[in-house]
Protein backbone atom coordinates (compact mmCIF):
# COMPACT_ATOMS: atom_id res chain seq x y z
CA MET A 1 78.24 104.38 139.49
CA LYS A 2 79.04 104.40 143.20
CA LYS A 3 81.07 107.38 144.41
CA THR A 4 84.14 106.67 146.49
CA GLY A 5 86.14 108.54 149.11
CA SER A 6 89.73 109.59 148.56
CA ALA A 7 91.08 106.60 150.50
CA ILE A 8 89.31 104.12 148.20
CA PHE A 9 90.25 106.14 145.14
CA CYS A 10 93.93 105.95 146.04
CA THR A 11 93.79 102.15 145.85
CA LEU A 12 93.17 102.54 142.12
CA LEU A 13 96.51 104.23 141.56
CA LEU A 14 99.36 102.29 140.03
CA ALA A 15 101.48 100.39 142.53
CA GLY A 16 104.20 102.65 143.80
CA ALA A 17 102.77 105.75 142.12
CA THR A 18 102.45 108.92 144.17
CA ALA A 19 98.96 110.12 145.07
CA LEU A 20 97.40 113.23 143.60
CA SER A 21 98.29 116.49 145.26
CA ALA A 22 96.22 117.40 148.30
CA SER A 23 94.70 120.40 146.56
CA ALA A 24 93.68 118.34 143.55
CA GLN A 25 92.08 115.72 145.79
CA THR A 26 90.12 118.35 147.69
CA GLU A 27 88.73 119.87 144.51
CA GLU A 28 88.19 116.70 142.48
CA THR A 29 87.45 113.71 144.71
CA ALA A 30 83.70 114.22 144.44
CA THR A 31 83.85 113.61 140.70
CA HIS A 32 86.17 110.57 140.77
CA THR A 33 84.48 107.23 140.18
CA LEU A 34 85.68 103.67 140.02
CA ALA A 35 87.46 103.03 136.76
CA PRO A 36 85.30 101.35 134.09
CA PRO A 37 86.24 97.77 133.22
CA GLY A 38 89.35 97.47 131.08
CA GLU A 39 88.16 94.39 129.21
CA THR A 40 85.45 94.76 126.54
CA PRO A 41 84.34 91.21 125.63
CA VAL A 42 82.27 92.35 122.66
CA LEU A 43 85.52 93.06 120.79
CA HIS A 44 86.47 89.38 121.12
CA GLU A 45 83.05 88.58 119.68
CA MET A 46 83.57 90.93 116.74
CA ALA A 47 87.00 89.50 115.97
CA ALA A 48 85.71 85.94 116.04
CA ALA A 49 82.86 86.83 113.66
CA THR A 50 85.25 87.77 110.85
CA SER A 51 85.06 85.07 108.16
CA ALA A 52 87.93 83.87 105.97
CA GLU A 53 85.45 82.12 103.69
CA ARG A 54 83.47 85.30 103.03
CA LEU A 55 86.74 87.10 102.31
CA ARG A 56 87.70 84.36 99.84
CA HIS A 57 84.35 84.72 98.06
CA ASP A 58 84.75 88.49 97.75
CA VAL A 59 88.34 88.34 96.50
CA GLU A 60 87.39 85.71 93.93
CA LYS A 61 84.52 87.89 92.76
CA LEU A 62 86.73 90.96 92.39
CA VAL A 63 89.35 88.94 90.49
CA SER A 64 86.63 87.68 88.15
CA PHE A 65 86.26 91.15 86.62
CA GLY A 66 89.52 90.56 84.73
CA THR A 67 90.94 94.01 85.30
CA ARG A 68 89.93 96.82 87.62
CA HIS A 69 92.27 99.39 86.15
CA THR A 70 91.06 102.95 86.71
CA LEU A 71 90.99 103.53 82.93
CA SER A 72 89.27 100.22 82.13
CA ASP A 73 85.76 99.55 80.82
CA THR A 74 82.93 101.12 82.82
CA LYS A 75 79.98 99.86 80.73
CA SER A 76 80.37 96.07 80.85
CA ASP A 77 78.60 94.11 83.57
CA THR A 78 81.34 91.50 83.71
CA ARG A 79 84.69 93.17 83.08
CA GLY A 80 86.42 96.35 84.20
CA ILE A 81 86.27 98.78 87.08
CA GLY A 82 82.69 99.84 86.35
CA ALA A 83 81.40 96.31 86.91
CA ALA A 84 83.55 95.97 90.03
CA ARG A 85 82.35 99.15 91.68
CA ARG A 86 78.69 98.39 90.86
CA TRP A 87 79.10 94.98 92.50
CA ILE A 88 80.65 96.61 95.60
CA GLU A 89 77.78 99.10 95.79
CA ALA A 90 75.25 96.27 95.49
CA GLU A 91 77.06 94.34 98.21
CA PHE A 92 76.95 97.33 100.57
CA ASN A 93 73.22 97.61 99.86
CA ARG A 94 72.72 93.91 100.64
CA ILE A 95 74.53 94.38 103.95
CA SER A 96 72.34 97.38 104.70
CA GLU A 97 69.17 95.43 103.96
CA SER A 98 70.21 92.78 106.48
CA CYS A 99 70.56 95.40 109.24
CA GLY A 100 67.32 97.23 108.49
CA GLY A 101 68.86 100.00 106.38
CA CYS A 102 71.63 100.90 108.82
CA LEU A 103 74.05 101.88 106.03
CA GLU A 104 73.80 104.94 103.83
CA VAL A 105 75.40 103.88 100.53
CA ILE A 106 76.69 106.63 98.26
CA THR A 107 79.24 107.27 95.53
CA VAL A 108 81.71 110.14 95.72
CA SER A 109 83.41 110.99 92.44
CA ASP A 110 85.19 113.57 90.35
CA THR A 111 86.66 113.76 86.86
CA VAL A 112 90.44 113.67 86.59
CA SER A 113 92.51 114.47 83.50
CA GLY A 114 95.84 115.91 82.39
CA GLU A 115 97.81 113.67 84.77
CA THR A 116 100.75 111.44 83.91
CA ARG A 117 98.72 108.31 84.55
CA ILE A 118 95.31 109.79 83.63
CA PRO A 119 96.01 111.83 80.49
CA ASP A 120 92.39 111.94 79.29
CA PRO A 121 89.25 112.73 81.32
CA VAL A 122 88.17 109.82 83.54
CA GLU A 123 85.56 109.75 86.28
CA VAL A 124 87.14 108.36 89.43
CA VAL A 125 84.34 106.86 91.56
CA ASN A 126 84.52 105.86 95.22
CA VAL A 127 81.85 103.61 96.76
CA ILE A 128 81.06 104.56 100.36
CA ALA A 129 78.85 103.10 103.10
CA ILE A 130 78.14 105.16 106.23
CA GLN A 131 76.95 103.66 109.53
CA ARG A 132 75.74 106.66 111.52
CA GLY A 133 76.49 106.94 115.22
CA SER A 134 73.76 107.39 117.81
CA LEU A 135 75.37 110.04 120.04
CA ASP A 136 78.05 111.82 118.02
CA PRO A 137 77.26 111.21 114.33
CA THR A 138 79.73 113.70 112.84
CA ARG A 139 82.65 112.05 114.70
CA MET A 140 83.85 109.47 112.19
CA VAL A 141 86.35 106.67 111.79
CA LEU A 142 87.03 105.29 108.32
CA MET A 143 88.33 102.02 106.88
CA SER A 144 89.43 101.99 103.25
CA GLY A 145 90.69 99.67 100.54
CA ASP A 146 91.36 100.53 96.91
CA ILE A 147 89.42 98.94 94.07
CA ASP A 148 91.78 99.44 91.14
CA SER A 149 94.46 97.07 89.88
CA ARG A 150 97.29 97.36 87.35
CA VAL A 151 100.00 95.48 85.48
CA SER A 152 103.56 96.53 84.60
CA ASP A 153 102.52 99.46 82.38
CA PRO A 154 100.45 101.84 84.54
CA LEU A 155 98.52 102.94 81.42
CA ASP A 156 97.61 99.40 80.30
CA ALA A 157 93.87 99.29 80.97
CA THR A 158 93.02 96.18 78.93
CA SER A 159 95.36 93.35 79.95
CA ASP A 160 94.25 90.93 82.65
CA SER A 161 95.12 92.40 86.05
CA PRO A 162 93.64 90.16 88.78
CA GLY A 163 94.79 92.33 91.69
CA ALA A 164 94.00 89.54 94.15
CA ASN A 165 96.17 90.81 96.98
CA ASP A 166 96.66 94.36 95.68
CA ASN A 167 94.03 95.18 96.53
CA ALA A 168 91.04 92.86 96.40
CA SER A 169 92.20 91.69 99.84
CA GLY A 170 91.72 95.20 101.24
CA VAL A 171 88.34 95.83 99.58
CA ALA A 172 87.12 92.43 100.76
CA GLY A 173 88.25 93.42 104.25
CA VAL A 174 86.17 96.60 104.07
CA LEU A 175 83.08 94.65 103.01
CA GLU A 176 83.60 92.07 105.75
CA ALA A 177 84.07 94.77 108.38
CA ALA A 178 80.74 96.25 107.29
CA ARG A 179 79.06 92.84 107.60
CA VAL A 180 80.35 92.31 111.14
CA LEU A 181 79.97 95.82 112.55
CA SER A 182 76.57 96.53 111.01
CA ARG A 183 75.16 94.08 113.58
CA TYR A 184 75.98 96.58 116.34
CA LYS A 185 75.18 100.19 117.21
CA PHE A 186 77.86 102.73 118.10
CA PRO A 187 77.99 106.24 119.57
CA GLY A 188 80.24 107.42 116.72
CA THR A 189 80.00 106.92 112.96
CA ILE A 190 81.88 104.31 110.91
CA VAL A 191 82.63 104.89 107.22
CA TYR A 192 83.48 101.98 104.91
CA ALA A 193 85.25 103.15 101.76
CA ALA A 194 86.17 101.39 98.52
CA LEU A 195 88.38 103.94 96.79
CA SER A 196 89.47 104.18 93.17
CA GLY A 197 92.43 105.70 91.35
CA GLU A 198 95.09 104.63 93.86
CA GLU A 199 97.49 103.18 91.31
CA GLN A 200 97.13 106.28 89.10
CA GLY A 201 98.01 108.82 91.80
CA LEU A 202 95.90 108.42 94.98
CA PHE A 203 93.02 110.27 93.35
CA GLY A 204 90.22 108.42 95.13
CA GLY A 205 91.67 109.36 98.50
CA LYS A 206 92.09 112.98 97.44
CA ILE A 207 88.49 113.13 96.24
CA LEU A 208 87.07 111.63 99.42
CA ALA A 209 89.26 113.74 101.73
CA LYS A 210 87.98 116.91 100.03
CA TYR A 211 84.41 115.64 100.23
CA ALA A 212 84.83 114.93 103.95
CA LEU A 213 86.04 118.47 104.61
CA ASP A 214 83.23 119.95 102.53
CA GLN A 215 80.65 117.89 104.44
CA GLY A 216 82.04 118.81 107.85
CA TRP A 217 83.00 115.24 108.72
CA ARG A 218 85.15 115.12 111.86
CA ILE A 219 87.36 112.21 110.82
CA LYS A 220 89.41 111.00 113.78
CA ALA A 221 91.02 107.96 112.21
CA VAL A 222 91.62 106.54 108.74
CA LEU A 223 92.63 102.88 108.50
CA ASN A 224 93.95 102.32 105.00
CA ASN A 225 94.24 98.64 104.09
CA ASP A 226 96.43 98.00 101.08
CA MET A 227 97.60 94.40 100.64
CA ILE A 228 96.46 92.45 103.68
CA GLY A 229 96.62 88.89 102.36
CA ASN A 230 100.18 87.85 101.51
CA ILE A 231 102.36 85.96 104.00
CA SER A 232 105.29 84.99 101.74
CA GLY A 233 107.99 87.62 101.19
CA ILE A 234 110.49 88.16 98.38
CA ASN A 235 113.07 87.79 101.16
CA GLY A 236 112.09 84.16 101.72
CA VAL A 237 110.28 84.86 105.00
CA ILE A 238 106.86 83.30 105.56
CA ASP A 239 105.01 85.08 108.37
CA ASN A 240 101.31 84.93 109.17
CA ALA A 241 101.59 86.44 112.65
CA THR A 242 102.78 90.01 112.04
CA ALA A 243 101.21 93.09 110.48
CA ARG A 244 102.80 96.45 109.77
CA VAL A 245 101.18 99.74 110.72
CA PHE A 246 102.76 102.79 109.08
CA SER A 247 102.23 106.21 110.68
CA GLU A 248 103.68 109.66 110.11
CA GLY A 249 105.60 111.43 112.87
CA THR A 250 104.65 115.09 112.58
CA ARG A 251 101.40 116.40 111.15
CA ALA A 252 101.54 117.41 107.49
CA VAL A 253 99.48 120.52 108.27
CA GLU A 254 101.74 121.76 111.06
CA THR A 255 102.35 125.52 110.91
CA PRO A 256 105.75 127.16 111.47
CA GLU A 257 104.53 128.40 114.87
CA GLU A 258 103.45 124.89 115.83
CA ALA A 259 106.78 123.49 114.66
CA ARG A 260 108.61 125.95 116.89
CA LEU A 261 106.47 124.92 119.88
CA ARG A 262 107.10 121.25 119.16
CA ARG A 263 110.84 121.86 119.06
CA PHE A 264 110.80 122.92 122.72
CA THR A 265 108.06 120.65 124.08
CA GLY A 266 108.34 117.45 122.02
CA GLY A 267 105.82 115.60 119.89
CA GLU A 268 107.92 114.41 116.94
CA VAL A 269 106.74 110.84 117.57
CA ASP A 270 103.32 111.71 119.00
CA SER A 271 101.21 112.88 116.10
CA PRO A 272 97.60 111.66 116.18
CA SER A 273 98.51 109.14 113.48
CA ARG A 274 101.34 107.79 115.61
CA ASN A 275 99.12 107.46 118.68
CA LEU A 276 96.49 105.80 116.50
CA ALA A 277 99.16 103.22 115.57
CA ARG A 278 99.94 102.65 119.26
CA TYR A 279 96.23 102.17 119.89
CA ILE A 280 96.01 99.53 117.15
CA ASP A 281 99.06 97.78 118.57
CA ARG A 282 97.47 97.53 122.02
CA LEU A 283 94.20 96.21 120.60
CA ALA A 284 96.05 93.54 118.62
CA ASP A 285 97.82 92.35 121.77
CA ARG A 286 94.53 92.04 123.63
CA TYR A 287 91.99 90.89 121.05
CA ILE A 288 93.68 89.26 118.02
CA PRO A 289 95.31 85.90 118.79
CA ASN A 290 98.72 85.27 117.25
CA LEU A 291 99.07 88.70 115.70
CA ASP A 292 101.81 91.17 116.56
CA VAL A 293 101.85 94.71 115.20
CA MET A 294 105.10 96.10 113.87
CA MET A 295 104.81 99.88 114.19
CA VAL A 296 106.80 101.52 111.40
CA TYR A 297 107.70 105.14 112.10
CA ARG A 298 107.20 106.34 108.53
CA LEU A 299 104.23 107.63 106.54
CA ASP A 300 104.44 104.65 104.20
CA ARG A 301 106.95 102.26 102.69
CA PHE A 302 110.18 103.95 101.63
CA GLY A 303 109.41 106.40 98.81
CA ARG A 304 105.96 104.91 98.20
CA GLY A 305 102.39 105.97 98.92
CA GLY A 306 98.87 104.89 99.79
CA HIS A 307 95.35 106.22 100.13
CA HIS A 308 95.82 107.35 103.74
CA ARG A 309 98.24 110.04 102.61
CA PRO A 310 95.62 112.43 101.15
CA PHE A 311 93.81 112.33 104.50
CA ASN A 312 97.05 113.05 106.36
CA ASP A 313 97.69 115.90 103.91
CA ALA A 314 94.29 117.36 104.86
CA GLY A 315 94.98 117.09 108.60
CA MET A 316 93.08 113.85 109.31
CA PRO A 317 94.93 111.12 111.24
CA GLY A 318 95.60 108.12 109.03
CA VAL A 319 97.68 104.95 109.03
CA ARG A 320 98.41 102.14 106.61
CA ILE A 321 97.75 98.56 107.75
CA MET A 322 99.35 95.83 105.64
CA GLU A 323 101.27 92.60 105.45
CA THR A 324 104.84 92.53 106.75
CA ASN A 325 106.60 90.64 103.96
CA GLU A 326 105.91 91.66 100.37
CA ASP A 327 106.60 89.71 97.18
CA TYR A 328 107.34 92.22 94.43
CA THR A 329 106.95 89.55 91.71
CA ARG A 330 103.23 89.68 92.55
CA GLN A 331 102.84 93.46 92.48
CA HIS A 332 102.19 95.54 89.35
CA GLN A 333 103.28 92.70 87.06
CA ASP A 334 102.13 91.37 83.70
CA LEU A 335 100.96 87.77 84.03
CA ARG A 336 103.91 85.71 82.80
CA THR A 337 106.58 83.14 83.71
CA GLU A 338 110.26 84.03 83.34
CA ASN A 339 113.23 81.96 84.50
CA GLY A 340 110.92 79.70 86.42
CA ILE A 341 109.29 82.60 88.29
CA ALA A 342 105.53 83.10 87.94
CA TYR A 343 104.74 86.82 87.94
CA GLY A 344 101.36 88.33 88.70
CA ASP A 345 98.92 89.12 91.50
CA VAL A 346 96.78 85.97 91.44
CA LEU A 347 94.55 84.18 93.95
CA SER A 348 97.22 81.70 95.02
CA GLY A 349 99.13 84.60 96.57
CA VAL A 350 96.41 85.33 99.15
CA ASP A 351 96.31 83.54 102.49
CA PHE A 352 92.71 83.97 103.61
CA ALA A 353 93.26 83.06 107.26
CA TYR A 354 95.78 85.91 107.40
CA ASN A 355 93.42 88.15 105.43
CA ALA A 356 90.79 87.44 108.10
CA LYS A 357 93.24 88.17 110.92
CA LEU A 358 94.11 91.63 109.58
CA THR A 359 90.46 92.32 108.82
CA ALA A 360 89.61 91.40 112.42
CA LEU A 361 92.25 93.88 113.58
CA ASN A 362 90.37 96.59 111.65
CA VAL A 363 87.04 95.40 113.02
CA VAL A 364 88.07 95.66 116.68
CA THR A 365 89.81 98.99 116.04
CA LEU A 366 86.77 100.51 114.35
CA GLY A 367 84.48 99.08 117.02
CA ALA A 368 86.60 100.45 119.85
CA LEU A 369 87.05 103.87 118.26
CA ALA A 370 83.36 104.27 117.46
CA SER A 371 82.40 103.09 120.96
CA SER A 372 84.70 105.49 122.80
CA PRO A 373 83.57 108.90 124.10
CA PRO A 374 84.70 112.10 122.37
CA PHE A 375 88.49 112.19 122.22
CA PRO A 376 90.14 114.63 124.66
CA ALA A 377 90.32 118.10 123.09
CA ASN A 378 92.47 121.14 123.80
CA VAL A 379 94.90 119.11 125.89
CA THR A 380 97.52 121.33 127.54
CA ILE A 381 100.42 120.61 129.87
CA LYS A 382 102.40 122.59 132.45
CA GLY A 383 105.21 121.76 134.83
CA ALA A 384 108.42 123.54 133.89
CA VAL A 385 110.76 123.96 136.89
CA ARG A 386 108.26 122.20 139.16
CA PRO A 387 108.24 118.81 140.94
CA SER A 388 104.88 117.99 139.31
CA THR A 389 103.09 117.86 135.96
CA THR A 390 99.63 119.30 135.32
CA LEU A 391 97.43 118.24 132.40
CA SER A 392 94.13 119.87 131.46
CA TRP A 393 91.60 119.41 128.67
CA THR A 394 88.10 120.42 127.59
CA ARG A 395 85.29 118.18 128.77
CA PRO A 396 82.54 117.72 126.13
CA GLU A 397 78.90 118.46 126.87
CA GLY A 398 75.56 117.30 125.51
CA ALA A 399 74.54 114.03 123.90
CA ALA A 400 78.05 113.31 122.62
CA ALA A 401 79.24 112.93 126.22
CA GLU A 402 76.45 110.64 127.42
CA ASN A 403 78.71 107.58 127.48
CA LEU A 404 81.69 109.38 129.07
CA ALA A 405 82.88 107.89 132.39
CA GLY A 406 86.08 109.92 132.73
CA TYR A 407 89.72 110.04 131.75
CA ARG A 408 92.94 108.12 132.08
CA VAL A 409 96.28 109.93 131.89
CA TYR A 410 99.31 108.19 130.42
CA TRP A 411 103.04 108.79 130.49
CA ARG A 412 106.19 107.08 129.27
CA LEU A 413 109.91 107.62 129.00
CA THR A 414 110.71 109.66 125.91
CA THR A 415 112.53 106.67 124.35
CA ASP A 416 109.73 104.15 124.95
CA PRO A 417 107.67 103.21 121.88
CA GLN A 418 104.49 102.44 123.80
CA TRP A 419 102.66 104.08 126.72
CA THR A 420 103.88 102.31 129.87
CA TYR A 421 102.29 104.13 132.85
CA SER A 422 98.72 105.22 133.38
CA ARG A 423 96.35 106.51 136.04
CA TRP A 424 92.57 106.67 136.13
CA VAL A 425 91.60 110.21 137.23
CA GLY A 426 87.82 110.18 136.84
CA ASP A 427 85.44 112.66 135.25
CA VAL A 428 87.57 115.77 135.60
CA ASP A 429 89.19 118.24 133.23
CA LYS A 430 92.48 118.74 135.06
CA VAL A 431 94.93 116.65 137.06
CA THR A 432 98.28 117.22 138.75
CA LEU A 433 100.77 114.36 138.99
CA GLU A 434 103.00 115.02 141.99
CA ASN A 435 106.68 114.04 141.87
CA ILE A 436 106.46 113.09 138.21
CA VAL A 437 108.80 115.56 136.51
CA ILE A 438 107.69 116.88 133.15
CA ASP A 439 111.23 116.91 131.76
CA ASN A 440 111.63 113.14 131.96
CA TYR A 441 108.48 111.82 130.28
CA TYR A 442 105.95 112.27 127.53
CA PHE A 443 102.31 112.57 128.64
CA GLY A 444 98.84 112.14 127.17
CA VAL A 445 95.16 111.74 128.00
CA ALA A 446 92.52 109.23 126.86
CA SER A 447 88.76 109.40 127.37
CA VAL A 448 86.98 106.30 128.71
CA SER A 449 83.37 105.22 128.22
CA LYS A 450 81.13 103.81 130.94
CA ASP A 451 81.51 100.34 129.44
CA GLY A 452 85.29 100.53 129.21
CA PHE A 453 86.10 101.68 125.68
CA GLU A 454 89.02 104.10 125.44
CA SER A 455 89.98 106.68 122.87
CA PRO A 456 93.55 106.84 121.60
CA VAL A 457 95.94 108.74 123.83
CA VAL A 458 96.06 112.43 122.92
CA PHE A 459 99.44 114.16 123.28
CA PRO A 460 99.26 117.77 124.57
CA GLY A 461 99.30 120.71 122.20
CA PRO A 462 98.85 120.94 118.42
CA ALA A 463 101.44 118.22 117.77
CA GLY A 464 99.09 115.55 119.15
CA SER A 465 95.66 117.03 118.54
CA PHE A 466 92.93 114.91 116.95
CA GLY A 467 90.90 118.10 116.47
CA GLU A 468 87.63 119.12 118.05
């Protein structure tokens, strides 16, 4: 890229923003480059490639197994969770064959027993497909859906439990994301996960989170998709243009020392999971037509849980992506009709155009995350009792940094939900923002690739860290 002088560089600053301090310009101008393009057309291409018809086929197939209860039959080829997970594994292998073996398909399992909803020993099996990155293969982003279904009694493993929306829609989304994204190559690794045991206590997520830690996976983002096909709510609202993204505020693994630091410097609404949610929101605005993200500042729905939680518990950033309006007559219900109301999670409750829209949101998010350079690490901030704010971070080296163009710093008022101001600062590891007072704003840093892909914004200190 062509180098520029300080006068040209200053034209890249936001209108009305104050230039970098003279000392910073003197030391850093030689490394500043023109900002990479902000638009990445390939993400439009990926979104458009997501197929509602393929999603319908997959949901119908998963429903055809009768029940996918965690305790159901594992021997039959036509009924029960065993047949379902073998079909998912075969489908991942078919996708891999079409891309020349680009997916590594594995199962990750453990035996669970002595639990309220799993009293006797049961093998909980997750089906996983891994698309290895070319530059930074241990840096991973993960999309998940849960295989298992249930009826009113959580221990009823024999009754028909179609689980069309909860959660064949999410598993179908994972398979479709693999079909679309396996056509491309990425610097980072993408993991596609069909998890089991969700309805019995989030056991599939717990098993995979432990496996990830044991394998040294550097998971930067978990996108848990649980019910992404229903547009008609119990409240009478029909909405096919909004999706909810749930994200926790403070990290579950925060230490008392880190909590004390956060109390004085902020970060209650800037965990990596929360900034991942902001990232998804921005991508939806740019790449998914007629879809608005409702960011919900909560780990999950009130008093409820999903498969992203075990990853959050282990210190990995995770969010839940799902429909906005739920119909509880279609969740965890025996198939029946009472007082004119048809209960049960059946195919008619899934809107496949909406299912495709939320799947496309995952596709562009995974594509952008896996295409970005290494996320900023060791971000620190200084500026107390000064008329300026200084941010610094560690610049990566080696092959992982081959696609790194530089960094963009962000800031916003402390009451703003989304990042509102930004400045391209180039390939540096420190910047001073003159006349921008640290007391009045929150700040963060994102890495930018040479072809314009950005990482999520990383808030300074342990409160916002995505890890190394």
